[in-house]
């Protein structure tokens, strides 16, 4: 039973979410059954960066304890998402000569080409998280997806190298190891989430996944089935709450309730005379003396201004890869920040693209995992399942797996040496 358990741990700035899946081990049926989804408030983490190892460890422990009680089996290892604004994404090429005398390209040649692509100058304080093959060239034949079995003399690969800040990766892994969990691998958050949200056809046409979290917005762009670009922007839904608090001159907890219950992103819907009575909300939040009523139009203007900024930053990332307004598969929005009314309409207007809220592409009995906040952790479970299947002989083309294992191995040895 233990071997079949796959757990995805999504460590966010406001919540830590754990989705647990069970994989059926028979060859005919490799589907995943989701058996649990847990969320607990996060402490000690801000903008994807660990601020207090002690607090993060206790939050993860609380989440793990609840998950184990729910699913009834121990959870020993997890797939973990990384979502830091200090992520770097660079292109690199690797060239090797085909080793076999008859010129047939083997998996070993592909691995050597990827290894050659890794030999770029990484800053001393960064670690390589993923080496993702985008396309291969065999002799002069370009745009090859899978060269294994083809014949040639020279194999070239174009890759995306995704790097993370070493200190942040070590702090995150240390906090997880302290709970007694093992880490299967670290996966960039928007890469994992895309596994749960974007279908094969959309990835072929060109699509993007945007995860609007509390303090960061991460995105990944796909075309012809391959990852084109990824980025993490240090703005999220908490910035909208802060804007509402400043604009209405009210406490932050009241601003958050107002945003969630009355927030809208299109001011044109309302007239200047439309007011919202918030006296009850103010009483509940112990701010009865603060406000009695607010202008609905003014609230929408505050929210629209910040949302437009978020979408403009996303469009800037699209411009970097010349895909602004040119992703026919559309943009899929996930994360807690997507609960705002009319966010899809603002996205369509600013990005000039089809925009929709992301939905789960696999069948799950537990309704909770269909919520946009859980899609990241669900994506980690699917990612882990596909890599396990690769080990069993299925080829699902999951890119850049297990590139962080050396770092994890060192961190694990070092941490275990400290234990009494």
Protein backbone atom coordinates (compact mmCIF):
# COMPACT_ATOMS: atom_id res chain seq x y z
CA UNK A 1 0.00 0.00 0.00
CA UNK A 2 2.82 2.39 0.95
CA UNK A 3 4.47 2.09 -2.45
CA UNK A 4 1.27 3.18 -4.16
CA UNK A 5 0.87 6.40 -2.17
CA UNK A 6 1.88 9.61 -3.99
CA UNK A 7 1.66 12.88 -2.05
CA UNK A 8 1.96 16.42 -3.45
CA UNK A 9 2.94 19.17 -0.98
CA UNK A 10 2.21 22.74 -2.06
CA UNK A 11 3.79 25.25 0.33
CA UNK A 12 2.15 28.64 -0.17
CA UNK A 13 2.43 31.95 1.67
CA UNK A 14 -1.01 31.64 3.32
CA UNK A 15 -1.74 27.90 3.25
CA UNK A 16 0.04 24.56 3.03
CA UNK A 17 -1.91 22.01 0.97
CA UNK A 18 -1.33 18.29 0.71
CA UNK A 19 -3.09 16.10 -1.87
CA UNK A 20 -2.67 12.33 -1.51
CA UNK A 21 -3.19 9.96 -4.43
CA UNK A 22 -3.06 6.18 -4.70
CA UNK A 23 -1.73 4.56 -7.84
CA UNK A 24 -3.04 1.20 -8.98
CA UNK A 25 -0.10 -1.05 -9.66
CA UNK A 26 -1.48 -3.23 -12.43
CA UNK A 27 -0.02 -2.54 -15.87
CA UNK A 28 -3.40 -2.25 -17.65
CA UNK A 29 -4.65 0.44 -15.29
CA UNK A 30 -2.22 3.19 -14.30
CA UNK A 31 -4.85 5.68 -13.13
CA UNK A 32 -4.54 7.67 -9.91
CA UNK A 33 -7.21 7.69 -7.28
CA UNK A 34 -7.23 10.81 -5.10
CA UNK A 35 -7.83 9.72 -1.50
CA UNK A 36 -7.25 12.90 0.49
CA UNK A 37 -6.81 16.68 0.33
CA UNK A 38 -5.83 18.80 3.34
CA UNK A 39 -5.14 22.50 3.85
CA UNK A 40 -3.71 24.22 6.94
CA UNK A 41 -2.70 27.89 7.48
CA UNK A 42 0.96 28.53 6.65
CA UNK A 43 3.37 30.26 9.01
CA UNK A 44 6.96 31.33 8.44
CA UNK A 45 6.79 31.70 4.65
CA UNK A 46 6.39 34.83 2.55
CA UNK A 47 6.47 35.24 -1.25
CA UNK A 48 7.54 31.61 -1.60
CA UNK A 49 10.58 32.20 0.63
CA UNK A 50 11.13 30.56 4.05
CA UNK A 51 11.36 33.22 6.78
CA UNK A 52 11.30 30.85 9.77
CA UNK A 53 12.27 27.17 9.45
CA UNK A 54 10.68 26.39 12.85
CA UNK A 55 7.27 27.82 11.83
CA UNK A 56 7.28 26.15 8.39
CA UNK A 57 8.19 22.79 9.99
CA UNK A 58 5.32 22.99 12.50
CA UNK A 59 2.84 23.98 9.74
CA UNK A 60 3.93 21.03 7.56
CA UNK A 61 3.75 18.68 10.58
CA UNK A 62 0.18 19.81 11.33
CA UNK A 63 -0.80 19.25 7.69
CA UNK A 64 0.89 15.82 7.62
CA UNK A 65 -0.78 14.72 10.85
CA UNK A 66 -4.25 15.64 9.56
CA UNK A 67 -3.59 13.96 6.19
CA UNK A 68 -2.43 10.70 7.81
CA UNK A 69 -5.52 10.63 10.02
CA UNK A 70 -7.71 11.21 6.95
CA UNK A 71 -6.19 8.58 4.62
CA UNK A 72 -5.30 6.05 7.34
CA UNK A 73 -1.81 5.23 6.05
CA UNK A 74 1.58 6.80 6.86
CA UNK A 75 3.00 9.28 4.31
CA UNK A 76 6.77 8.87 4.02
CA UNK A 77 7.69 11.01 1.03
CA UNK A 78 6.31 13.99 -0.91
CA UNK A 79 6.70 15.81 -4.22
CA UNK A 80 7.24 19.47 -3.34
CA UNK A 81 6.47 22.64 -5.30
CA UNK A 82 8.97 25.51 -5.53
CA UNK A 83 7.48 28.96 -6.11
CA UNK A 84 10.11 31.64 -5.50
CA UNK A 85 10.40 34.98 -7.34
CA UNK A 86 14.14 34.26 -7.65
CA UNK A 87 13.59 31.54 -10.28
CA UNK A 88 15.73 31.99 -13.42
CA UNK A 89 14.93 30.47 -16.80
CA UNK A 90 17.69 30.24 -19.45
CA UNK A 91 18.11 28.53 -22.83
CA UNK A 92 21.05 26.22 -23.39
CA UNK A 93 22.23 23.88 -26.16
CA UNK A 94 24.06 20.58 -25.91
CA UNK A 95 25.81 18.75 -28.77
CA UNK A 96 27.20 15.17 -28.75
CA UNK A 97 28.38 12.61 -31.29
CA UNK A 98 26.18 9.49 -31.57
CA UNK A 99 28.02 6.66 -29.83
CA UNK A 100 26.89 3.56 -31.76
CA UNK A 101 28.83 2.63 -34.90
CA UNK A 102 25.61 2.08 -36.90
CA UNK A 103 24.47 5.62 -35.99
CA UNK A 104 21.33 4.61 -34.06
CA UNK A 105 20.50 7.11 -31.31
CA UNK A 106 19.95 5.56 -27.88
CA UNK A 107 18.54 6.95 -24.64
CA UNK A 108 22.13 7.15 -23.41
CA UNK A 109 22.97 9.62 -26.22
CA UNK A 110 19.96 11.77 -25.23
CA UNK A 111 21.14 11.77 -21.59
CA UNK A 112 24.66 12.82 -22.68
CA UNK A 113 23.24 15.65 -24.81
CA UNK A 114 21.17 16.88 -21.85
CA UNK A 115 24.25 16.66 -19.62
CA UNK A 116 26.20 18.75 -22.16
CA UNK A 117 23.39 21.36 -22.07
CA UNK A 118 23.72 21.57 -18.27
CA UNK A 119 27.29 22.83 -18.64
CA UNK A 120 26.33 26.50 -18.69
CA UNK A 121 27.70 29.01 -16.20
CA UNK A 122 25.33 28.84 -13.24
CA UNK A 123 25.85 31.64 -10.67
CA UNK A 124 27.51 30.26 -7.51
CA UNK A 125 24.40 30.85 -5.36
CA UNK A 126 22.01 29.06 -7.74
CA UNK A 127 21.11 25.37 -8.25
CA UNK A 128 19.66 23.77 -11.39
CA UNK A 129 16.08 22.62 -10.70
CA UNK A 130 15.06 21.32 -14.13
CA UNK A 131 16.72 20.65 -17.48
CA UNK A 132 13.82 20.58 -19.92
CA UNK A 133 14.41 19.42 -23.51
CA UNK A 134 12.49 21.63 -25.95
CA UNK A 135 13.58 20.14 -29.28
CA UNK A 136 16.29 17.94 -30.79
CA UNK A 137 18.27 18.20 -34.03
CA UNK A 138 19.72 15.06 -35.68
CA UNK A 139 22.39 16.07 -38.24
CA UNK A 140 20.44 18.75 -40.19
CA UNK A 141 16.93 17.53 -39.38
CA UNK A 142 15.37 19.97 -36.92
CA UNK A 143 12.25 20.13 -34.68
CA UNK A 144 12.50 16.48 -33.54
CA UNK A 145 10.53 15.58 -30.40
CA UNK A 146 12.03 12.17 -29.57
CA UNK A 147 15.23 11.15 -31.39
CA UNK A 148 15.60 7.68 -29.79
CA UNK A 149 15.82 5.02 -32.52
CA UNK A 150 16.65 7.52 -35.31
CA UNK A 151 19.91 7.33 -37.26
CA UNK A 152 22.48 10.11 -37.38
CA UNK A 153 26.01 11.21 -36.51
CA UNK A 154 25.41 14.41 -34.51
CA UNK A 155 22.73 14.93 -31.86
CA UNK A 156 21.88 18.42 -30.66
CA UNK A 157 19.36 19.41 -27.99
CA UNK A 158 17.85 22.79 -27.13
CA UNK A 159 16.86 22.99 -23.46
CA UNK A 160 15.37 25.32 -20.88
CA UNK A 161 17.44 25.39 -17.70
CA UNK A 162 15.39 26.41 -14.66
CA UNK A 163 17.48 27.54 -11.68
CA UNK A 164 16.54 28.34 -8.09
CA UNK A 165 18.39 30.19 -5.34
CA UNK A 166 20.45 27.62 -3.38
CA UNK A 167 19.84 29.11 0.06
CA UNK A 168 16.05 29.10 -0.43
CA UNK A 169 16.03 25.52 -1.72
CA UNK A 170 18.15 24.38 1.25
CA UNK A 171 15.93 26.20 3.78
CA UNK A 172 12.80 24.67 2.26
CA UNK A 173 14.24 21.14 2.17
CA UNK A 174 15.58 21.48 5.73
CA UNK A 175 12.09 22.44 7.01
CA UNK A 176 10.57 19.39 5.27
CA UNK A 177 13.29 16.93 6.40
CA UNK A 178 12.71 18.05 10.01
CA UNK A 179 9.18 16.61 9.85
CA UNK A 180 10.66 13.17 9.00
CA UNK A 181 9.44 13.28 5.39
CA UNK A 182 11.61 12.36 2.42
CA UNK A 183 11.50 14.52 -0.71
CA UNK A 184 10.98 12.68 -4.00
CA UNK A 185 11.82 15.79 -6.02
CA UNK A 186 11.32 19.54 -6.14
CA UNK A 187 9.10 20.72 -9.00
CA UNK A 188 8.54 24.27 -10.19
CA UNK A 189 4.98 25.16 -9.16
CA UNK A 190 3.48 26.25 -12.56
CA UNK A 191 5.04 23.20 -14.26
CA UNK A 192 3.35 20.78 -11.88
CA UNK A 193 -0.01 22.59 -11.94
CA UNK A 194 -0.07 22.47 -15.75
CA UNK A 195 -0.14 18.65 -15.55
CA UNK A 196 -3.52 18.85 -13.79
CA UNK A 197 -5.05 21.69 -15.83
CA UNK A 198 -3.82 21.94 -19.44
CA UNK A 199 -4.77 19.22 -21.92
CA UNK A 200 -2.46 17.79 -24.60
CA UNK A 201 -4.27 19.63 -27.43
CA UNK A 202 -3.96 23.03 -25.75
CA UNK A 203 -0.25 22.43 -25.06
CA UNK A 204 0.22 21.69 -28.77
CA UNK A 205 -1.65 24.83 -29.90
CA UNK A 206 0.00 27.11 -27.37
CA UNK A 207 -1.38 27.76 -23.88
CA UNK A 208 -0.38 29.30 -20.57
CA UNK A 209 -1.08 28.51 -16.95
CA UNK A 210 -1.25 31.41 -14.47
CA UNK A 211 -1.31 30.69 -10.73
CA UNK A 212 -2.42 33.79 -8.78
CA UNK A 213 -1.45 33.09 -5.19
CA UNK A 214 -1.45 35.28 -2.08
CA UNK A 215 1.89 37.00 -2.63
CA UNK A 216 3.20 35.61 -5.95
CA UNK A 217 1.84 34.99 -9.45
CA UNK A 218 3.58 32.19 -11.34
CA UNK A 219 3.14 31.23 -14.97
CA UNK A 220 4.23 28.63 -17.50
CA UNK A 221 3.82 28.84 -21.29
CA UNK A 222 3.59 25.79 -23.56
CA UNK A 223 3.67 25.40 -27.34
CA UNK A 224 3.93 22.30 -29.56
CA UNK A 225 3.66 20.23 -26.38
CA UNK A 226 6.84 21.71 -24.86
CA UNK A 227 7.55 24.30 -22.18
CA UNK A 228 8.53 27.65 -23.73
CA UNK A 229 8.88 29.89 -20.70
CA UNK A 230 8.23 30.12 -16.97
CA UNK A 231 8.37 32.96 -14.43
CA UNK A 232 7.32 33.96 -10.91
CA UNK A 233 6.07 37.54 -10.40
CA UNK A 234 6.15 38.91 -6.80
CA UNK A 235 2.57 40.27 -6.82
CA UNK A 236 -0.52 38.39 -5.65
CA UNK A 237 -4.01 38.70 -4.20
CA UNK A 238 -2.71 40.01 -0.83
CA UNK A 239 -1.63 43.16 -2.67
CA UNK A 240 -5.27 43.68 -3.74
CA UNK A 241 -6.35 43.33 -0.07
CA UNK A 242 -3.70 45.87 0.97
CA UNK A 243 -4.94 48.30 -1.73
CA UNK A 244 -8.52 47.93 -0.45
CA UNK A 245 -7.36 48.55 3.14
CA UNK A 246 -5.51 51.74 2.08
CA UNK A 247 -8.31 52.93 -0.25
CA UNK A 248 -11.08 52.44 2.32
CA UNK A 249 -8.89 53.28 5.36
CA UNK A 250 -9.99 50.13 7.16
CA UNK A 251 -8.20 47.25 8.99
CA UNK A 252 -6.66 44.55 6.79
CA UNK A 253 -8.93 41.76 8.09
CA UNK A 254 -12.04 43.82 7.21
CA UNK A 255 -10.56 44.70 3.80
CA UNK A 256 -10.07 40.98 3.08
CA UNK A 257 -13.72 40.20 3.96
CA UNK A 258 -14.97 43.12 1.81
CA UNK A 259 -12.83 41.96 -1.13
CA UNK A 260 -14.04 38.35 -0.88
CA UNK A 261 -17.73 39.13 -0.38
CA UNK A 262 -18.28 42.25 -2.49
CA UNK A 263 -15.17 42.46 -4.69
CA UNK A 264 -15.65 42.96 -8.43
CA UNK A 265 -13.13 44.00 -11.08
CA UNK A 266 -15.36 45.95 -13.51
CA UNK A 267 -16.33 49.44 -12.21
CA UNK A 268 -18.49 50.16 -15.31
CA UNK A 269 -21.10 47.75 -13.90
CA UNK A 270 -22.04 50.20 -11.16
CA UNK A 271 -23.16 53.81 -10.79
CA UNK A 272 -21.54 56.22 -8.32
CA UNK A 273 -24.66 56.12 -6.14
CA UNK A 274 -24.56 52.35 -5.49
CA UNK A 275 -23.47 51.69 -1.91
CA UNK A 276 -22.72 48.53 0.09
CA UNK A 277 -23.79 48.34 3.73
CA UNK A 278 -20.83 46.79 5.56
CA UNK A 279 -21.87 47.59 9.14
CA UNK A 280 -22.49 43.88 9.91
CA UNK A 281 -19.10 42.85 8.50
CA UNK A 282 -17.40 45.64 10.47
CA UNK A 283 -19.05 44.38 13.70
CA UNK A 284 -17.90 40.80 13.04
CA UNK A 285 -14.34 42.01 12.49
CA UNK A 286 -14.38 44.29 15.59
CA UNK A 287 -14.17 47.39 13.43
CA UNK A 288 -17.69 48.76 14.05
CA UNK A 289 -16.47 52.36 14.37
CA UNK A 290 -14.62 52.24 11.07
CA UNK A 291 -17.14 52.16 8.21
CA UNK A 292 -20.89 51.93 7.68
CA UNK A 293 -21.13 51.92 3.88
CA UNK A 294 -18.81 52.12 0.88
CA UNK A 295 -19.20 52.94 -2.81
CA UNK A 296 -19.40 49.77 -4.90
CA UNK A 297 -17.89 51.54 -7.91
CA UNK A 298 -14.91 52.85 -5.86
CA UNK A 299 -14.20 49.34 -4.50
CA UNK A 300 -14.26 47.92 -8.06
CA UNK A 301 -11.87 50.67 -9.25
CA UNK A 302 -9.34 49.77 -6.53
CA UNK A 303 -9.48 46.04 -7.40
CA UNK A 304 -9.38 46.66 -11.17
CA UNK A 305 -6.22 48.82 -10.92
CA UNK A 306 -4.19 46.10 -9.17
CA UNK A 307 -5.60 43.25 -11.31
CA UNK A 308 -4.69 45.16 -14.47
CA UNK A 309 -1.13 45.53 -13.14
CA UNK A 310 -0.91 41.75 -12.54
CA UNK A 311 -2.13 40.98 -16.09
CA UNK A 312 0.22 43.61 -17.57
CA UNK A 313 3.16 41.90 -15.83
CA UNK A 314 1.98 38.55 -17.26
CA UNK A 315 1.76 40.10 -20.73
CA UNK A 316 5.32 41.41 -20.34
CA UNK A 317 6.46 37.80 -19.80
CA UNK A 318 4.57 36.77 -22.96
CA UNK A 319 6.29 39.60 -24.88
CA UNK A 320 9.72 38.24 -23.83
CA UNK A 321 8.98 35.09 -25.86
CA UNK A 322 6.99 36.92 -28.61
CA UNK A 323 3.69 35.27 -27.65
CA UNK A 324 1.72 38.33 -26.51
CA UNK A 325 -1.84 37.82 -27.82
CA UNK A 326 -0.67 34.68 -29.69
CA UNK A 327 -1.66 31.64 -27.59
CA UNK A 328 -4.71 30.05 -29.28
CA UNK A 329 -5.00 27.38 -26.54
CA UNK A 330 -5.78 30.19 -24.08
CA UNK A 331 -4.77 31.12 -20.55
CA UNK A 332 -5.88 29.04 -17.54
CA UNK A 333 -6.16 30.82 -14.19
CA UNK A 334 -5.73 28.92 -10.91
CA UNK A 335 -4.94 29.78 -7.27
CA UNK A 336 -6.78 31.50 -4.42
CA UNK A 337 -6.61 34.90 -6.16
CA UNK A 338 -8.96 33.71 -8.92
CA UNK A 339 -12.03 33.79 -6.64
CA UNK A 340 -12.58 37.47 -7.53
CA UNK A 341 -15.70 38.20 -9.54
CA UNK A 342 -15.03 39.18 -13.22
CA UNK A 343 -11.30 38.29 -13.10
CA UNK A 344 -11.72 36.30 -16.35
CA UNK A 345 -13.16 39.36 -18.19
CA UNK A 346 -10.26 41.58 -17.05
CA UNK A 347 -7.81 38.88 -18.17
CA UNK A 348 -9.40 38.62 -21.63
CA UNK A 349 -9.27 42.40 -22.02
CA UNK A 350 -5.65 42.88 -20.92
CA UNK A 351 -4.11 39.74 -22.47
CA UNK A 352 -6.23 39.74 -25.70
CA UNK A 353 -6.51 35.96 -25.39
CA UNK A 354 -9.10 33.30 -24.43
CA UNK A 355 -9.04 33.15 -20.60
CA UNK A 356 -10.78 30.60 -18.36
CA UNK A 357 -10.59 29.36 -14.79
CA UNK A 358 -8.50 26.16 -14.66
CA UNK A 359 -10.29 22.90 -13.97
CA UNK A 360 -9.06 19.46 -13.01
CA UNK A 361 -8.47 17.16 -16.03
CA UNK A 362 -8.59 13.88 -14.05
CA UNK A 363 -11.60 12.31 -12.36
CA UNK A 364 -11.51 12.78 -8.60
CA UNK A 365 -14.08 11.59 -6.09
CA UNK A 366 -13.05 14.29 -3.60
CA UNK A 367 -14.68 17.56 -4.68
CA UNK A 368 -12.11 19.65 -2.82
CA UNK A 369 -9.37 18.94 -5.39
CA UNK A 370 -11.49 20.59 -8.09
CA UNK A 371 -11.06 23.94 -6.34
CA UNK A 372 -8.48 26.18 -8.02
CA UNK A 373 -6.36 26.38 -4.83
CA UNK A 374 -5.72 22.61 -4.82
CA UNK A 375 -4.76 22.23 -8.49
CA UNK A 376 -1.09 22.88 -7.76
CA UNK A 377 -0.83 20.05 -5.21
CA UNK A 378 -2.90 17.80 -7.50
CA UNK A 379 -0.48 18.55 -10.35
CA UNK A 380 2.40 17.35 -8.14
CA UNK A 381 0.61 14.02 -7.60
CA UNK A 382 0.09 13.60 -11.37
CA UNK A 383 3.73 14.61 -12.03
CA UNK A 384 4.96 12.03 -9.50
CA UNK A 385 2.70 9.35 -10.95
CA UNK A 386 4.02 9.93 -14.48
CA UNK A 387 7.64 9.74 -13.34
CA UNK A 388 6.92 6.47 -11.51
CA UNK A 389 5.34 5.19 -14.75
CA UNK A 390 8.45 6.24 -16.67
CA UNK A 391 10.47 4.07 -14.31
CA UNK A 392 8.08 1.20 -15.08
CA UNK A 393 8.68 1.57 -18.81
CA UNK A 394 5.95 4.04 -19.83
CA UNK A 395 7.24 7.18 -21.54
CA UNK A 396 5.17 10.23 -20.69
CA UNK A 397 7.82 12.78 -21.54
CA UNK A 398 7.94 14.46 -18.14
CA UNK A 399 10.83 16.91 -18.47
CA UNK A 400 13.71 17.62 -16.16
CA UNK A 401 12.93 15.11 -13.43
CA UNK A 402 15.35 14.21 -10.65
CA UNK A 403 17.84 16.96 -11.53
CA UNK A 404 17.79 18.19 -7.94
CA UNK A 405 18.50 14.80 -6.37
CA UNK A 406 22.20 15.52 -5.84
CA UNK A 407 21.32 18.65 -3.85
CA UNK A 408 18.69 16.75 -1.86
CA UNK A 409 21.12 13.90 -1.17
CA UNK A 410 23.69 16.31 0.29
CA UNK A 411 21.06 18.17 2.34
CA UNK A 412 19.64 14.88 3.67
CA UNK A 413 23.09 13.58 4.75
CA UNK A 414 23.92 16.88 6.39
CA UNK A 415 20.61 17.02 8.26
CA UNK A 416 20.79 13.40 9.41
CA UNK A 417 24.27 14.07 10.80
CA UNK A 418 22.72 16.65 13.15
CA UNK A 419 20.11 14.28 14.55
CA UNK A 420 20.93 12.73 17.97
